[in-house]
C-alpha atoms as a PDB file:
ATOM      1  CA  MET A   1      -9.291   6.754   7.572  1.00  0.00           C
ATOM      2  CA  THR A   2      -9.696   5.610   4.342  1.00  0.00           C
ATOM      3  CA  ALA A   3      -7.367   5.677   1.139  1.00  0.00           C
ATOM      4  CA  ASP A   4      -9.185   8.728   0.217  1.00  0.00           C
ATOM      5  CA  SER A   5      -7.890  10.385   3.214  1.00  0.00           C
ATOM      6  CA  PHE A   6      -4.409  10.453   1.877  1.00  0.00           C
ATOM      7  CA  SER A   7      -3.554  12.172  -1.266  1.00  0.00           C
ATOM      8  CA  PRO A   8      -0.956  10.543  -4.107  1.00  0.00           C
ATOM      9  CA  ALA A   9       1.669  13.304  -2.894  1.00  0.00           C
ATOM     10  CA  ASP A  10       0.967  12.511   0.880  1.00  0.00           C
ATOM     11  CA  ILE A  11       1.743   8.630   0.115  1.00  0.00           C
ATOM     12  CA  ALA A  12       4.740   9.478  -1.977  1.00  0.00           C
ATOM     13  CA  SER A  13       6.214  11.433   0.563  1.00  0.00           C
ATOM     14  CA  MET A  14       5.946   8.947   3.185  1.00  0.00           C
ATOM     15  CA  PRO A  15       8.610   6.463   4.144  1.00  0.00           C
ATOM     16  CA  ARG A  16       8.239   2.916   2.719  1.00  0.00           C
ATOM     17  CA  ALA A  17       7.369   0.027   5.558  1.00  0.00           C
ATOM     18  CA  GLU A  18       8.889  -3.303   4.020  1.00  0.00           C
ATOM     19  CA  PHE A  19       7.797  -6.322   6.084  1.00  0.00           C
ATOM     20  CA  ALA A  20      10.493  -9.041   5.451  1.00  0.00           C
ATOM     21  CA  PHE A  21      11.924  -9.352   1.769  1.00  0.00           C
ATOM     22  CA  PRO A  22       9.982  -9.610  -1.287  1.00  0.00           C
ATOM     23  CA  GLY A  23       8.198 -12.985  -1.502  1.00  0.00           C
ATOM     24  CA  SER A  24       5.988 -15.391   0.093  1.00  0.00           C
ATOM     25  CA  LEU A  25       6.686 -14.101   3.666  1.00  0.00           C
ATOM     26  CA  ARG A  26       6.034 -10.518   2.977  1.00  0.00           C
ATOM     27  CA  ASP A  27       3.007 -11.364   1.234  1.00  0.00           C
ATOM     28  CA  GLN A  28       1.658 -13.192   4.398  1.00  0.00           C
ATOM     29  CA  LEU A  29       2.804 -10.329   6.735  1.00  0.00           C
ATOM     30  CA  VAL A  30       1.111  -7.632   4.534  1.00  0.00           C
ATOM     31  CA  ALA A  31      -2.238  -9.998   4.316  1.00  0.00           C
ATOM     32  CA  ALA A  32      -1.958 -10.085   8.051  1.00  0.00           C
ATOM     33  CA  ILE A  33      -1.786  -6.228   8.431  1.00  0.00           C
ATOM     34  CA  LEU A  34      -4.630  -5.814   5.800  1.00  0.00           C
ATOM     35  CA  ASP A  35      -6.924  -8.210   7.614  1.00  0.00           C
ATOM     36  CA  GLY A  36      -6.067  -6.608  11.076  1.00  0.00           C
ATOM     37  CA  SER A  37      -4.485  -9.641  12.816  1.00  0.00           C
ATOM     38  CA  LYS A  38      -0.916  -8.106  12.612  1.00  0.00           C
ATOM     39  CA  THR A  39      -0.609  -5.126  14.793  1.00  0.00           C
ATOM     40  CA  SER A  40       3.059  -5.530  16.019  1.00  0.00           C
ATOM     41  CA  THR A  41       6.463  -6.343  14.527  1.00  0.00           C
ATOM     42  CA  THR A  42      10.053  -6.849  15.475  1.00  0.00           C
ATOM     43  CA  GLY A  43      13.374  -5.403  14.016  1.00  0.00           C
ATOM     44  CA  LEU A  44      16.728  -5.525  14.788  1.00  0.00           C
ATOM     45  CA  VAL A  45      18.362  -2.370  16.156  1.00  0.00           C
ATOM     46  CA  ILE A  46      21.647  -3.104  14.199  1.00  0.00           C
ATOM     47  CA  ASP A  47      19.640  -3.082  11.036  1.00  0.00           C
ATOM     48  CA  HIS A  48      18.373   0.223  11.552  1.00  0.00           C
ATOM     49  CA  GLU A  49      22.029   1.424  12.328  1.00  0.00           C
ATOM     50  CA  HIS A  50      23.272  -0.325   9.139  1.00  0.00           C
ATOM     51  CA  GLU A  51      20.714   1.440   6.900  1.00  0.00           C
ATOM     52  CA  GLY A  52      21.015   4.534   8.792  1.00  0.00           C
ATOM     53  CA  ASP A  53      17.365   4.636   9.585  1.00  0.00           C
ATOM     54  CA  PRO A  54      16.033   6.136  12.823  1.00  0.00           C
ATOM     55  CA  LEU A  55      14.251   4.029  15.360  1.00  0.00           C
ATOM     56  CA  PRO A  56      10.651   4.451  14.718  1.00  0.00           C
ATOM     57  CA  GLN A  57       8.599   6.772  17.176  1.00  0.00           C
ATOM     58  CA  ALA A  58       4.915   6.906  18.247  1.00  0.00           C
ATOM     59  CA  GLY A  59       3.134   8.807  15.411  1.00  0.00           C
ATOM     60  CA  ASP A  60       5.226   7.995  12.547  1.00  0.00           C
ATOM     61  CA  ARG A  61       3.331   6.806   9.540  1.00  0.00           C
ATOM     62  CA  SER A  62       4.363   4.921   6.569  1.00  0.00           C
ATOM     63  CA  VAL A  63       3.336   3.276   3.369  1.00  0.00           C
ATOM     64  CA  VAL A  64       3.369  -0.598   3.556  1.00  0.00           C
ATOM     65  CA  VAL A  65       4.400  -2.056   0.093  1.00  0.00           C
ATOM     66  CA  GLY A  66       3.800  -5.543  -1.127  1.00  0.00           C
ATOM     67  CA  SER A  67       6.355  -7.632  -2.929  1.00  0.00           C
ATOM     68  CA  ASP A  68       5.827  -5.741  -6.157  1.00  0.00           C
ATOM     69  CA  GLY A  69       6.877  -2.614  -4.503  1.00  0.00           C
ATOM     70  CA  ARG A  70       3.100  -1.049  -4.745  1.00  0.00           C
ATOM     71  CA  PRO A  71       1.696   0.715  -1.887  1.00  0.00           C
ATOM     72  CA  VAL A  72      -1.093  -1.392  -0.158  1.00  0.00           C
ATOM     73  CA  ALA A  73      -1.699   0.338   3.100  1.00  0.00           C
ATOM     74  CA  VAL A  74      -0.749   3.264   5.405  1.00  0.00           C
ATOM     75  CA  ILE A  75       0.133   2.149   9.003  1.00  0.00           C
ATOM     76  CA  GLU A  76       0.991   4.373  12.114  1.00  0.00           C
ATOM     77  CA  VAL A  77       3.190   3.602  14.989  1.00  0.00           C
ATOM     78  CA  THR A  78       1.378   3.523  18.286  1.00  0.00           C
ATOM     79  CA  GLY A  79       4.133   2.368  20.446  1.00  0.00           C
ATOM     80  CA  VAL A  80       7.972   1.443  20.523  1.00  0.00           C
ATOM     81  CA  ARG A  81      10.253  -0.308  22.957  1.00  0.00           C
ATOM     82  CA  VAL A  82      13.834  -1.351  22.581  1.00  0.00           C
ATOM     83  CA  VAL A  83      14.331  -4.683  24.589  1.00  0.00           C
ATOM     84  CA  PRO A  84      16.964  -7.338  24.880  1.00  0.00           C
ATOM     85  CA  LEU A  85      15.676 -10.354  22.553  1.00  0.00           C
ATOM     86  CA  GLY A  86      15.358 -12.687  25.533  1.00  0.00           C
ATOM     87  CA  GLN A  87      12.763 -10.256  26.906  1.00  0.00           C
ATOM     88  CA  VAL A  88      10.196 -10.371  24.035  1.00  0.00           C
ATOM     89  CA  ASP A  89       6.667 -11.095  25.681  1.00  0.00           C
ATOM     90  CA  LEU A  90       4.026 -13.375  24.532  1.00  0.00           C
ATOM     91  CA  ALA A  91       1.472 -10.539  23.784  1.00  0.00           C
ATOM     92  CA  HIS A  92       4.036  -9.028  21.187  1.00  0.00           C
ATOM     93  CA  ALA A  93       4.776 -12.343  19.697  1.00  0.00           C
ATOM     94  CA  VAL A  94       1.045 -13.272  19.266  1.00  0.00           C
ATOM     95  CA  ASP A  95       0.165  -9.685  18.052  1.00  0.00           C
ATOM     96  CA  GLU A  96       2.584 -10.110  15.096  1.00  0.00           C
ATOM     97  CA  GLY A  97      -0.213 -11.887  13.587  1.00  0.00           C
ATOM     98  CA  GLU A  98       1.788 -14.879  12.196  1.00  0.00           C
ATOM     99  CA  GLY A  99      -0.070 -17.686  14.290  1.00  0.00           C
ATOM    100  CA  HIS A 100       2.452 -18.229  16.967  1.00  0.00           C
ATOM    101  CA  THR A 101       1.222 -19.500  20.414  1.00  0.00           C
ATOM    102  CA  GLY A 102       4.155 -19.117  22.382  1.00  0.00           C
ATOM    103  CA  VAL A 103       7.516 -17.055  22.504  1.00  0.00           C
ATOM    104  CA  ALA A 104       9.874 -19.949  21.743  1.00  0.00           C
ATOM    105  CA  GLU A 105       8.063 -20.663  18.564  1.00  0.00           C
ATOM    106  CA  TRP A 106       7.865 -16.857  17.662  1.00  0.00           C
ATOM    107  CA  ARG A 107      11.725 -16.749  18.565  1.00  0.00           C
ATOM    108  CA  GLU A 108      12.676 -19.810  16.162  1.00  0.00           C
ATOM    109  CA  ALA A 109      10.767 -18.372  13.317  1.00  0.00           C
ATOM    110  CA  HIS A 110      12.458 -14.715  13.794  1.00  0.00           C
ATOM    111  CA  GLU A 111      15.999 -16.613  14.387  1.00  0.00           C
ATOM    112  CA  ARG A 112      15.454 -18.522  11.167  1.00  0.00           C
ATOM    113  CA  PHE A 113      14.797 -15.241   9.219  1.00  0.00           C
ATOM    114  CA  TRP A 114      17.550 -13.365  10.882  1.00  0.00           C
ATOM    115  CA  HIS A 115      20.069 -15.938  10.400  1.00  0.00           C
ATOM    116  CA  GLY A 116      18.995 -16.508   6.741  1.00  0.00           C
ATOM    117  CA  GLU A 117      21.182 -15.483   3.851  1.00  0.00           C
ATOM    118  CA  ASP A 118      18.900 -12.562   2.804  1.00  0.00           C
ATOM    119  CA  MET A 119      19.349 -10.864   6.163  1.00  0.00           C
ATOM    120  CA  ARG A 120      22.892 -11.689   6.623  1.00  0.00           C
ATOM    121  CA  ALA A 121      23.593 -10.069   3.148  1.00  0.00           C
ATOM    122  CA  ALA A 122      21.446  -6.986   4.074  1.00  0.00           C
ATOM    123  CA  LEU A 123      23.618  -6.679   7.011  1.00  0.00           C
ATOM    124  CA  GLU A 124      26.784  -7.299   5.202  1.00  0.00           C
ATOM    125  CA  ASP A 125      27.720  -9.974   7.852  1.00  0.00           C
ATOM    126  CA  PRO A 126      27.870 -13.558   6.552  1.00  0.00           C
ATOM    127  CA  GLY A 127      28.242 -14.975  10.178  1.00  0.00           C
ATOM    128  CA  PHE A 128      25.334 -12.737  12.027  1.00  0.00           C
ATOM    129  CA  THR A 129      23.747 -14.348  14.778  1.00  0.00           C
ATOM    130  CA  VAL A 130      21.357 -13.243  17.500  1.00  0.00           C
ATOM    131  CA  ASP A 131      21.231 -14.262  21.242  1.00  0.00           C
ATOM    132  CA  ASP A 132      19.135 -13.349  24.350  1.00  0.00           C
ATOM    133  CA  THR A 133      21.000  -9.916  24.501  1.00  0.00           C
ATOM    134  CA  THR A 134      20.485  -8.846  20.983  1.00  0.00           C
ATOM    135  CA  PRO A 135      18.450  -5.404  21.206  1.00  0.00           C
ATOM    136  CA  VAL A 136      15.356  -5.494  19.090  1.00  0.00           C
ATOM    137  CA  VAL A 137      12.685  -3.030  18.396  1.00  0.00           C
ATOM    138  CA  LEU A 138       9.132  -4.020  19.297  1.00  0.00           C
ATOM    139  CA  GLU A 139       6.773  -1.746  17.371  1.00  0.00           C
ATOM    140  CA  ARG A 140       3.402  -1.507  17.769  1.00  0.00           C
ATOM    141  CA  PHE A 141       0.993  -0.088  14.826  1.00  0.00           C
ATOM    142  CA  ARG A 142      -2.330   0.470  13.398  1.00  0.00           C
ATOM    143  CA  LEU A 143      -3.914   0.197  10.109  1.00  0.00           C
ATOM    144  CA  LEU A 144      -4.970   3.723   9.015  1.00  0.00           C
ATOM    145  CA  ALA A 145      -5.880   3.072   5.269  1.00  0.00           C
ATOM    146  CA  ASP A 146      -5.932  -0.015   3.000  1.00  0.00           C
ATOM    147  CA  LEU A 147      -4.799   1.492  -0.374  1.00  0.00           C
ATOM    148  CA  ARG A 148      -5.409  -1.480  -2.783  1.00  0.00           C
ATOM    149  CA  PRO A 149      -8.373  -0.832  -5.319  1.00  0.00           C
ATOM    150  CA  ARG A 150     -11.611  -1.768  -3.963  1.00  0.00           C
ATOM    151  CA  ILE A 151     -11.941  -4.713  -6.238  1.00  0.00           C
ATOM    152  CA  HIS A 152      -8.793  -6.455  -4.759  1.00  0.00           C
ATOM    153  CA  ARG A 153     -10.314  -5.979  -1.140  1.00  0.00           C
ATOM    154  CA  ARG A 154     -12.113  -8.736   0.587  1.00  0.00           C
ATOM    155  CA  ALA A 155     -15.855  -8.364   1.451  1.00  0.00           C
ATOM    156  CA  ASP A 156     -16.217  -8.021   5.343  1.00  0.00           C
END
């Protein structure tokens, strides 16, 4: 599919997929989605519950937004698992496209994010922490369309 496969009304009606918080981490994650190296992501069940958002399901489509809030891509969920944090596997960690080569390294980076001020503020819990039993949402997705103007895309 291409950007032309989705009308402005289609894009406007889709839920927004916001990876991390606006800033350098989001920019890095969005770039990895657009270059195809990021095909999975991990969320906290408690974050979905706090926001009143249902857990993703295979077939769900959403519009990825950049740090500036503009749509940059359409993705489709291809699989979802809810597991305790201690059961995240290497394949999932690697497919997140952040360059992690081991689960311990992946987990350290994610704990740093989840224990950060932004996440604790979003959850309205200044002491929030995760452990091996914390339920996480392991989501797999595929890129359906790059919505950036052609001038901004890298030549492949």
